[in-house]
Amino acid sequence: MWEGFAQNVPGILLVFTRLSGLIVTAPLFSYRNVPALLKMGFASLLAVMLFPYAGPASPVEFLSVSYFLQVIEELALGLGLGFVANLSLQAIYLAGQLMDVPMGFGMVNILDPQLGMQVPIMARFYNTIAILVFLGVNGHHMVLMALMRSFELLPIGQINWGPKVVMVLIQGFAWMFVLGVKIALPVMGAIFLTDIALGIIARSVPQMNVFIVGFPVKIGVSLFLLIFVLPNYIRVIGQLFDESGDMLFYLWEFISSLKG
């Protein structure tokens, strides 16, 4: 039994490397408040479970140059899968940044314990809701399903890195920016109209200090509109993470671009 396991250790390590790359960059799995030991244990358990279905099609000598090249390939593939899956949440951070600046919150950031960095207030608020929706529609299952399917479509040692991969990543970046603007557009439009109204008031009533009055007015209009559009935002995020959503679509596109 142990001899058979020892013979499979090189292949299990390659599967573990792909899983580790995913966990480093994928949404939810990569958060800093998840203990590193738990991440390693989870990746190790999945590697042992998936190895019978994902063993190397053409095994190479352990610790050889070819083996290390396969390790790098598997790590890059796992990082790429997690990165593509994380683009949707990055779009939400972008939307929060686009809303914070016109609202007047651009200089006020809070610490995000999940990322370990300062983020805008609205970005943190929207991201918290997105994570809850992500869990509610089993988005983490979609990411793991894409990982399992990657072993079927891209067996170990049969990954083709070509120009198509770059095009898929560029399309993913473009989609991220478009999605972020779409999410922030209602609030940005409302603040734009509010600025026009304040400009008219400033011309009509020069004695009024519109600069001081404008801050609470824009914050109040934005918060009221956020409450009004929140149900639609939750619905859009739910569609983003479900089986027919854009996140899974770009994961399939990324995997398909690596097929030989």
C-alpha atoms as a PDB file:
ATOM      1  CA  MET A   1       0.000   0.000   0.000  1.00  0.00           C
ATOM      2  CA  TRP A   2       2.692   2.467   1.033  1.00  0.00           C
ATOM      3  CA  GLU A   3       4.830   1.511  -1.985  1.00  0.00           C
ATOM      4  CA  GLY A   4       1.919   2.357  -4.301  1.00  0.00           C
ATOM      5  CA  PHE A   5       1.365   5.649  -2.509  1.00  0.00           C
ATOM      6  CA  ALA A   6       5.066   6.514  -2.759  1.00  0.00           C
ATOM      7  CA  GLN A   7       4.975   5.904  -6.513  1.00  0.00           C
ATOM      8  CA  ASN A   8       2.066   8.341  -6.835  1.00  0.00           C
ATOM      9  CA  VAL A   9       3.665  11.116  -4.740  1.00  0.00           C
ATOM     10  CA  PRO A  10       5.099  13.024  -7.767  1.00  0.00           C
ATOM     11  CA  GLY A  11       1.677  13.075  -9.446  1.00  0.00           C
ATOM     12  CA  ILE A  12      -0.103  14.052  -6.228  1.00  0.00           C
ATOM     13  CA  LEU A  13       2.341  16.930  -5.774  1.00  0.00           C
ATOM     14  CA  LEU A  14       1.515  18.203  -9.269  1.00  0.00           C
ATOM     15  CA  VAL A  15      -2.224  18.077  -8.512  1.00  0.00           C
ATOM     16  CA  PHE A  16      -1.552  19.797  -5.180  1.00  0.00           C
ATOM     17  CA  THR A  17       0.383  22.545  -6.988  1.00  0.00           C
ATOM     18  CA  ARG A  18      -2.578  23.366  -9.243  1.00  0.00           C
ATOM     19  CA  LEU A  19      -4.901  23.401  -6.233  1.00  0.00           C
ATOM     20  CA  SER A  20      -2.511  25.614  -4.278  1.00  0.00           C
ATOM     21  CA  GLY A  21      -2.388  28.173  -7.091  1.00  0.00           C
ATOM     22  CA  LEU A  22      -6.184  28.333  -7.132  1.00  0.00           C
ATOM     23  CA  ILE A  23      -6.450  28.766  -3.374  1.00  0.00           C
ATOM     24  CA  VAL A  24      -3.895  31.592  -3.407  1.00  0.00           C
ATOM     25  CA  THR A  25      -5.945  33.750  -5.796  1.00  0.00           C
ATOM     26  CA  ALA A  26      -9.558  32.497  -5.840  1.00  0.00           C
ATOM     27  CA  PRO A  27     -12.313  34.464  -4.077  1.00  0.00           C
ATOM     28  CA  LEU A  28     -13.081  33.375  -0.521  1.00  0.00           C
ATOM     29  CA  PHE A  29     -10.314  30.729  -0.473  1.00  0.00           C
ATOM     30  CA  SER A  30      -7.532  33.343  -0.690  1.00  0.00           C
ATOM     31  CA  TYR A  31      -8.668  35.582   2.170  1.00  0.00           C
ATOM     32  CA  ARG A  32      -6.073  36.299   4.816  1.00  0.00           C
ATOM     33  CA  ASN A  33      -8.388  35.520   7.717  1.00  0.00           C
ATOM     34  CA  VAL A  34      -8.529  31.880   6.542  1.00  0.00           C
ATOM     35  CA  PRO A  35      -5.687  30.068   8.362  1.00  0.00           C
ATOM     36  CA  ALA A  36      -2.831  28.959   6.113  1.00  0.00           C
ATOM     37  CA  LEU A  37      -2.845  25.514   7.745  1.00  0.00           C
ATOM     38  CA  LEU A  38      -6.499  25.108   6.810  1.00  0.00           C
ATOM     39  CA  LYS A  39      -5.751  26.090   3.209  1.00  0.00           C
ATOM     40  CA  MET A  40      -2.895  23.576   2.982  1.00  0.00           C
ATOM     41  CA  GLY A  41      -4.995  20.835   4.560  1.00  0.00           C
ATOM     42  CA  PHE A  42      -7.895  21.532   2.205  1.00  0.00           C
ATOM     43  CA  ALA A  43      -5.607  21.517  -0.852  1.00  0.00           C
ATOM     44  CA  SER A  44      -3.910  18.301   0.296  1.00  0.00           C
ATOM     45  CA  LEU A  45      -7.233  16.534   0.857  1.00  0.00           C
ATOM     46  CA  LEU A  46      -8.535  17.568  -2.566  1.00  0.00           C
ATOM     47  CA  ALA A  47      -5.253  16.547  -4.209  1.00  0.00           C
ATOM     48  CA  VAL A  48      -5.509  13.005  -2.812  1.00  0.00           C
ATOM     49  CA  MET A  49      -9.196  12.788  -3.766  1.00  0.00           C
ATOM     50  CA  LEU A  50      -8.726  14.100  -7.316  1.00  0.00           C
ATOM     51  CA  PHE A  51      -5.495  12.297  -8.168  1.00  0.00           C
ATOM     52  CA  PRO A  52      -7.202   9.109  -9.489  1.00  0.00           C
ATOM     53  CA  TYR A  53      -9.037  11.290 -12.026  1.00  0.00           C
ATOM     54  CA  ALA A  54      -6.207  13.748 -12.692  1.00  0.00           C
ATOM     55  CA  GLY A  55      -3.030  11.698 -12.699  1.00  0.00           C
ATOM     56  CA  PRO A  56      -0.294  12.688 -15.178  1.00  0.00           C
ATOM     57  CA  ALA A  57      -0.977  11.371 -18.667  1.00  0.00           C
ATOM     58  CA  SER A  58       2.772  11.154 -19.325  1.00  0.00           C
ATOM     59  CA  PRO A  59       4.702  10.836 -16.042  1.00  0.00           C
ATOM     60  CA  VAL A  60       8.196  12.302 -15.967  1.00  0.00           C
ATOM     61  CA  GLU A  61      11.113  11.539 -13.705  1.00  0.00           C
ATOM     62  CA  PHE A  62      10.704  12.969 -10.219  1.00  0.00           C
ATOM     63  CA  LEU A  63      12.840  16.079  -9.491  1.00  0.00           C
ATOM     64  CA  SER A  64      13.997  16.292 -13.097  1.00  0.00           C
ATOM     65  CA  VAL A  65      14.023  19.487 -15.158  1.00  0.00           C
ATOM     66  CA  SER A  66      10.850  18.393 -16.955  1.00  0.00           C
ATOM     67  CA  TYR A  67       9.166  17.762 -13.621  1.00  0.00           C
ATOM     68  CA  PHE A  68       9.978  21.256 -12.351  1.00  0.00           C
ATOM     69  CA  LEU A  69       8.646  22.726 -15.607  1.00  0.00           C
ATOM     70  CA  GLN A  70       5.390  20.855 -15.021  1.00  0.00           C
ATOM     71  CA  VAL A  71       5.268  22.212 -11.471  1.00  0.00           C
ATOM     72  CA  ILE A  72       5.576  25.775 -12.818  1.00  0.00           C
ATOM     73  CA  GLU A  73       2.882  25.088 -15.417  1.00  0.00           C
ATOM     74  CA  GLU A  74       0.479  23.680 -12.847  1.00  0.00           C
ATOM     75  CA  LEU A  75       1.082  26.580 -10.473  1.00  0.00           C
ATOM     76  CA  ALA A  76       0.507  29.105 -13.256  1.00  0.00           C
ATOM     77  CA  LEU A  77      -2.711  27.354 -14.277  1.00  0.00           C
ATOM     78  CA  GLY A  78      -4.040  27.359 -10.714  1.00  0.00           C
ATOM     79  CA  LEU A  79      -3.135  31.021 -10.255  1.00  0.00           C
ATOM     80  CA  GLY A  80      -4.834  31.842 -13.552  1.00  0.00           C
ATOM     81  CA  LEU A  81      -8.044  30.035 -12.614  1.00  0.00           C
ATOM     82  CA  GLY A  82      -8.270  31.833  -9.285  1.00  0.00           C
ATOM     83  CA  PHE A  83      -7.403  35.174 -10.873  1.00  0.00           C
ATOM     84  CA  VAL A  84     -10.139  34.858 -13.524  1.00  0.00           C
ATOM     85  CA  ALA A  85     -12.674  33.829 -10.870  1.00  0.00           C
ATOM     86  CA  ASN A  86     -11.646  36.834  -8.753  1.00  0.00           C
ATOM     87  CA  LEU A  87     -12.208  39.372 -11.550  1.00  0.00           C
ATOM     88  CA  SER A  88     -15.894  39.633 -10.643  1.00  0.00           C
ATOM     89  CA  LEU A  89     -15.126  40.740  -7.086  1.00  0.00           C
ATOM     90  CA  GLN A  90     -12.485  43.143  -8.355  1.00  0.00           C
ATOM     91  CA  ALA A  91     -15.166  44.702 -10.557  1.00  0.00           C
ATOM     92  CA  ILE A  92     -17.213  45.320  -7.410  1.00  0.00           C
ATOM     93  CA  TYR A  93     -14.233  47.004  -5.740  1.00  0.00           C
ATOM     94  CA  LEU A  94     -13.880  49.158  -8.845  1.00  0.00           C
ATOM     95  CA  ALA A  95     -17.575  50.099  -8.663  1.00  0.00           C
ATOM     96  CA  GLY A  96     -17.144  51.114  -5.030  1.00  0.00           C
ATOM     97  CA  GLN A  97     -14.174  53.310  -5.917  1.00  0.00           C
ATOM     98  CA  LEU A  98     -16.136  54.961  -8.731  1.00  0.00           C
ATOM     99  CA  MET A  99     -18.983  55.727  -6.312  1.00  0.00           C
ATOM    100  CA  ASP A 100     -16.885  56.843  -3.354  1.00  0.00           C
ATOM    101  CA  VAL A 101     -15.134  59.710  -5.141  1.00  0.00           C
ATOM    102  CA  PRO A 102     -18.237  61.634  -6.331  1.00  0.00           C
ATOM    103  CA  MET A 103     -20.054  60.868  -3.062  1.00  0.00           C
ATOM    104  CA  GLY A 104     -17.308  62.591  -1.080  1.00  0.00           C
ATOM    105  CA  PHE A 105     -15.889  59.443   0.536  1.00  0.00           C
ATOM    106  CA  GLY A 106     -12.812  59.333  -1.679  1.00  0.00           C
ATOM    107  CA  MET A 107     -10.437  60.285   1.155  1.00  0.00           C
ATOM    108  CA  VAL A 108     -12.016  57.905   3.689  1.00  0.00           C
ATOM    109  CA  ASN A 109     -10.782  54.304   3.518  1.00  0.00           C
ATOM    110  CA  ILE A 110     -11.168  51.420   5.930  1.00  0.00           C
ATOM    111  CA  LEU A 111      -9.043  48.342   6.528  1.00  0.00           C
ATOM    112  CA  ASP A 112     -10.256  45.231   4.758  1.00  0.00           C
ATOM    113  CA  PRO A 113      -9.139  42.296   6.960  1.00  0.00           C
ATOM    114  CA  GLN A 114      -9.659  39.864   4.086  1.00  0.00           C
ATOM    115  CA  LEU A 115      -7.228  41.641   1.761  1.00  0.00           C
ATOM    116  CA  GLY A 116      -5.077  43.325   4.398  1.00  0.00           C
ATOM    117  CA  MET A 117      -5.262  46.735   2.688  1.00  0.00           C
ATOM    118  CA  GLN A 118      -7.183  50.017   2.750  1.00  0.00           C
ATOM    119  CA  VAL A 119     -10.316  49.996   0.583  1.00  0.00           C
ATOM    120  CA  PRO A 120     -13.107  52.537  -0.040  1.00  0.00           C
ATOM    121  CA  ILE A 121     -16.160  52.398   2.219  1.00  0.00           C
ATOM    122  CA  MET A 122     -18.659  51.637  -0.539  1.00  0.00           C
ATOM    123  CA  ALA A 123     -16.337  49.049  -2.054  1.00  0.00           C
ATOM    124  CA  ARG A 124     -16.232  47.237   1.295  1.00  0.00           C
ATOM    125  CA  PHE A 125     -20.011  47.447   1.661  1.00  0.00           C
ATOM    126  CA  TYR A 126     -20.695  46.117  -1.828  1.00  0.00           C
ATOM    127  CA  ASN A 127     -18.038  43.438  -1.497  1.00  0.00           C
ATOM    128  CA  THR A 128     -19.532  42.150   1.769  1.00  0.00           C
ATOM    129  CA  ILE A 129     -22.923  41.761   0.094  1.00  0.00           C
ATOM    130  CA  ALA A 130     -21.281  40.105  -2.926  1.00  0.00           C
ATOM    131  CA  ILE A 131     -19.534  37.533  -0.707  1.00  0.00           C
ATOM    132  CA  LEU A 132     -22.819  36.657   1.002  1.00  0.00           C
ATOM    133  CA  VAL A 133     -24.501  36.248  -2.388  1.00  0.00           C
ATOM    134  CA  PHE A 134     -21.482  34.261  -3.629  1.00  0.00           C
ATOM    135  CA  LEU A 135     -21.958  31.799  -0.779  1.00  0.00           C
ATOM    136  CA  GLY A 136     -25.747  31.854  -1.107  1.00  0.00           C
ATOM    137  CA  VAL A 137     -25.719  30.769  -4.768  1.00  0.00           C
ATOM    138  CA  ASN A 138     -22.849  28.291  -4.163  1.00  0.00           C
ATOM    139  CA  GLY A 139     -20.328  30.266  -6.168  1.00  0.00           C
ATOM    140  CA  HIS A 140     -17.506  28.463  -4.359  1.00  0.00           C
ATOM    141  CA  HIS A 141     -18.926  25.204  -5.721  1.00  0.00           C
ATOM    142  CA  MET A 142     -18.725  26.687  -9.234  1.00  0.00           C
ATOM    143  CA  VAL A 143     -15.040  27.495  -8.748  1.00  0.00           C
ATOM    144  CA  LEU A 144     -14.282  23.981  -7.501  1.00  0.00           C
ATOM    145  CA  MET A 145     -16.324  22.482 -10.349  1.00  0.00           C
ATOM    146  CA  ALA A 146     -14.263  24.488 -12.854  1.00  0.00           C
ATOM    147  CA  LEU A 147     -11.100  23.204 -11.162  1.00  0.00           C
ATOM    148  CA  MET A 148     -12.252  19.591 -11.408  1.00  0.00           C
ATOM    149  CA  ARG A 149     -13.241  20.085 -15.044  1.00  0.00           C
ATOM    150  CA  SER A 150      -9.804  21.556 -15.745  1.00  0.00           C
ATOM    151  CA  PHE A 151      -8.239  18.180 -14.915  1.00  0.00           C
ATOM    152  CA  GLU A 152     -10.479  16.545 -17.531  1.00  0.00           C
ATOM    153  CA  LEU A 153      -9.808  19.110 -20.260  1.00  0.00           C
ATOM    154  CA  LEU A 154      -6.209  19.895 -19.285  1.00  0.00           C
ATOM    155  CA  PRO A 155      -4.490  16.760 -17.964  1.00  0.00           C
ATOM    156  CA  ILE A 156      -1.165  17.258 -16.265  1.00  0.00           C
ATOM    157  CA  GLY A 157       1.557  17.746 -18.855  1.00  0.00           C
ATOM    158  CA  GLN A 158      -0.860  18.689 -21.649  1.00  0.00           C
ATOM    159  CA  ILE A 159      -1.214  22.460 -21.162  1.00  0.00           C
ATOM    160  CA  ASN A 160      -0.707  24.667 -24.202  1.00  0.00           C
ATOM    161  CA  TRP A 161       0.250  28.261 -23.362  1.00  0.00           C
ATOM    162  CA  GLY A 162      -0.472  30.308 -26.474  1.00  0.00           C
ATOM    163  CA  PRO A 163      -1.590  33.778 -27.584  1.00  0.00           C
ATOM    164  CA  LYS A 164      -5.241  32.833 -27.086  1.00  0.00           C
ATOM    165  CA  VAL A 165      -4.686  32.887 -23.322  1.00  0.00           C
ATOM    166  CA  VAL A 166      -3.621  36.531 -23.489  1.00  0.00           C
ATOM    167  CA  MET A 167      -6.741  37.440 -25.469  1.00  0.00           C
ATOM    168  CA  VAL A 168      -8.987  35.752 -22.899  1.00  0.00           C
ATOM    169  CA  LEU A 169      -7.290  37.649 -20.057  1.00  0.00           C
ATOM    170  CA  ILE A 170      -7.647  40.948 -21.939  1.00  0.00           C
ATOM    171  CA  GLN A 171     -11.344  40.227 -22.503  1.00  0.00           C
ATOM    172  CA  GLY A 172     -11.684  39.427 -18.803  1.00  0.00           C
ATOM    173  CA  PHE A 173     -10.091  42.758 -17.841  1.00  0.00           C
ATOM    174  CA  ALA A 174     -12.376  44.640 -20.230  1.00  0.00           C
ATOM    175  CA  TRP A 175     -15.414  42.830 -18.830  1.00  0.00           C
ATOM    176  CA  MET A 176     -14.300  43.698 -15.277  1.00  0.00           C
ATOM    177  CA  PHE A 177     -14.191  47.430 -16.043  1.00  0.00           C
ATOM    178  CA  VAL A 178     -17.521  47.359 -17.893  1.00  0.00           C
ATOM    179  CA  LEU A 179     -19.186  45.496 -15.017  1.00  0.00           C
ATOM    180  CA  GLY A 180     -17.769  47.913 -12.457  1.00  0.00           C
ATOM    181  CA  VAL A 181     -19.077  50.911 -14.378  1.00  0.00           C
ATOM    182  CA  LYS A 182     -22.508  49.296 -14.789  1.00  0.00           C
ATOM    183  CA  ILE A 183     -22.795  48.661 -11.048  1.00  0.00           C
ATOM    184  CA  ALA A 184     -21.731  52.202 -10.167  1.00  0.00           C
ATOM    185  CA  LEU A 185     -23.683  53.910 -12.958  1.00  0.00           C
ATOM    186  CA  PRO A 186     -26.964  54.579 -11.050  1.00  0.00           C
ATOM    187  CA  VAL A 187     -25.180  56.350  -8.202  1.00  0.00           C
ATOM    188  CA  MET A 188     -22.783  58.178 -10.524  1.00  0.00           C
ATOM    189  CA  GLY A 189     -25.700  59.356 -12.668  1.00  0.00           C
ATOM    190  CA  ALA A 190     -27.667  60.564  -9.646  1.00  0.00           C
ATOM    191  CA  ILE A 191     -24.668  62.492  -8.298  1.00  0.00           C
ATOM    192  CA  PHE A 192     -24.065  64.009 -11.733  1.00  0.00           C
ATOM    193  CA  LEU A 193     -27.654  65.289 -11.852  1.00  0.00           C
ATOM    194  CA  THR A 194     -27.285  66.540  -8.268  1.00  0.00           C
ATOM    195  CA  ASP A 195     -24.157  68.481  -9.261  1.00  0.00           C
ATOM    196  CA  ILE A 196     -26.081  70.074 -12.137  1.00  0.00           C
ATOM    197  CA  ALA A 197     -28.895  71.085  -9.766  1.00  0.00           C
ATOM    198  CA  LEU A 198     -26.399  72.512  -7.269  1.00  0.00           C
ATOM    199  CA  GLY A 199     -24.714  74.445 -10.078  1.00  0.00           C
ATOM    200  CA  ILE A 200     -28.041  75.985 -11.060  1.00  0.00           C
ATOM    201  CA  ILE A 201     -28.716  76.896  -7.434  1.00  0.00           C
ATOM    202  CA  ALA A 202     -25.263  78.452  -7.127  1.00  0.00           C
ATOM    203  CA  ARG A 203     -25.973  80.670 -10.137  1.00  0.00           C
ATOM    204  CA  SER A 204     -29.461  81.553  -8.903  1.00  0.00           C
ATOM    205  CA  VAL A 205     -28.560  82.156  -5.236  1.00  0.00           C
ATOM    206  CA  PRO A 206     -24.937  83.376  -5.087  1.00  0.00           C
ATOM    207  CA  GLN A 207     -25.183  83.976  -1.334  1.00  0.00           C
ATOM    208  CA  MET A 208     -25.548  80.233  -0.661  1.00  0.00           C
ATOM    209  CA  ASN A 209     -22.326  78.306  -0.024  1.00  0.00           C
ATOM    210  CA  VAL A 210     -23.073  75.412  -2.378  1.00  0.00           C
ATOM    211  CA  PHE A 211     -19.694  73.792  -1.708  1.00  0.00           C
ATOM    212  CA  ILE A 212     -20.601  73.215   1.973  1.00  0.00           C
ATOM    213  CA  VAL A 213     -24.237  72.313   1.290  1.00  0.00           C
ATOM    214  CA  GLY A 214     -23.338  69.967  -1.549  1.00  0.00           C
ATOM    215  CA  PHE A 215     -21.532  67.361   0.572  1.00  0.00           C
ATOM    216  CA  PRO A 216     -24.469  66.265   2.772  1.00  0.00           C
ATOM    217  CA  VAL A 217     -26.896  66.602  -0.148  1.00  0.00           C
ATOM    218  CA  LYS A 218     -24.855  64.274  -2.378  1.00  0.00           C
ATOM    219  CA  ILE A 219     -24.308  61.787   0.435  1.00  0.00           C
ATOM    220  CA  GLY A 220     -28.023  61.759   1.248  1.00  0.00           C
ATOM    221  CA  VAL A 221     -29.056  61.302  -2.400  1.00  0.00           C
ATOM    222  CA  SER A 222     -26.499  58.516  -2.867  1.00  0.00           C
ATOM    223  CA  LEU A 223     -27.523  56.594   0.256  1.00  0.00           C
ATOM    224  CA  PHE A 224     -31.215  56.880  -0.645  1.00  0.00           C
ATOM    225  CA  LEU A 225     -30.503  55.585  -4.144  1.00  0.00           C
ATOM    226  CA  LEU A 226     -28.348  52.747  -2.788  1.00  0.00           C
ATOM    227  CA  ILE A 227     -31.251  51.541  -0.648  1.00  0.00           C
ATOM    228  CA  PHE A 228     -33.542  51.781  -3.671  1.00  0.00           C
ATOM    229  CA  VAL A 229     -31.269  49.799  -6.057  1.00  0.00           C
ATOM    230  CA  LEU A 230     -29.955  47.262  -3.512  1.00  0.00           C
ATOM    231  CA  PRO A 231     -32.469  44.500  -4.448  1.00  0.00           C
ATOM    232  CA  ASN A 232     -31.506  44.828  -8.118  1.00  0.00           C
ATOM    233  CA  TYR A 233     -27.821  44.760  -7.176  1.00  0.00           C
ATOM    234  CA  ILE A 234     -28.303  41.496  -5.268  1.00  0.00           C
ATOM    235  CA  ARG A 235     -30.150  39.998  -8.239  1.00  0.00           C
ATOM    236  CA  VAL A 236     -27.373  41.023 -10.664  1.00  0.00           C
ATOM    237  CA  ILE A 237     -24.666  39.586  -8.411  1.00  0.00           C
ATOM    238  CA  GLY A 238     -26.626  36.347  -8.035  1.00  0.00           C
ATOM    239  CA  GLN A 239     -26.799  36.004 -11.814  1.00  0.00           C
ATOM    240  CA  LEU A 240     -23.084  36.760 -12.042  1.00  0.00           C
ATOM    241  CA  PHE A 241     -22.125  33.799  -9.834  1.00  0.00           C
ATOM    242  CA  ASP A 242     -24.657  31.165 -10.891  1.00  0.00           C
ATOM    243  CA  GLU A 243     -24.148  28.306 -13.371  1.00  0.00           C
ATOM    244  CA  SER A 244     -24.904  30.488 -16.393  1.00  0.00           C
ATOM    245  CA  GLY A 245     -23.119  33.587 -15.078  1.00  0.00           C
ATOM    246  CA  ASP A 246     -20.154  35.478 -16.458  1.00  0.00           C
ATOM    247  CA  MET A 247     -17.718  34.190 -13.825  1.00  0.00           C
ATOM    248  CA  LEU A 248     -18.134  30.570 -14.916  1.00  0.00           C
ATOM    249  CA  PHE A 249     -18.181  31.621 -18.575  1.00  0.00           C
ATOM    250  CA  TYR A 250     -14.751  33.234 -18.361  1.00  0.00           C
ATOM    251  CA  LEU A 251     -13.417  30.271 -16.385  1.00  0.00           C
ATOM    252  CA  TRP A 252     -14.452  27.951 -19.244  1.00  0.00           C
ATOM    253  CA  GLU A 253     -12.952  30.364 -21.768  1.00  0.00           C
ATOM    254  CA  PHE A 254      -9.652  30.405 -19.867  1.00  0.00           C
ATOM    255  CA  ILE A 255      -9.542  26.617 -19.631  1.00  0.00           C
ATOM    256  CA  SER A 256     -10.471  26.185 -23.299  1.00  0.00           C
ATOM    257  CA  SER A 257      -7.734  28.612 -24.376  1.00  0.00           C
ATOM    258  CA  LEU A 258      -5.115  26.305 -22.854  1.00  0.00           C
ATOM    259  CA  LYS A 259      -6.140  23.165 -24.719  1.00  0.00           C
ATOM    260  CA  GLY A 260      -3.580  21.901 -27.155  1.00  0.00           C
END
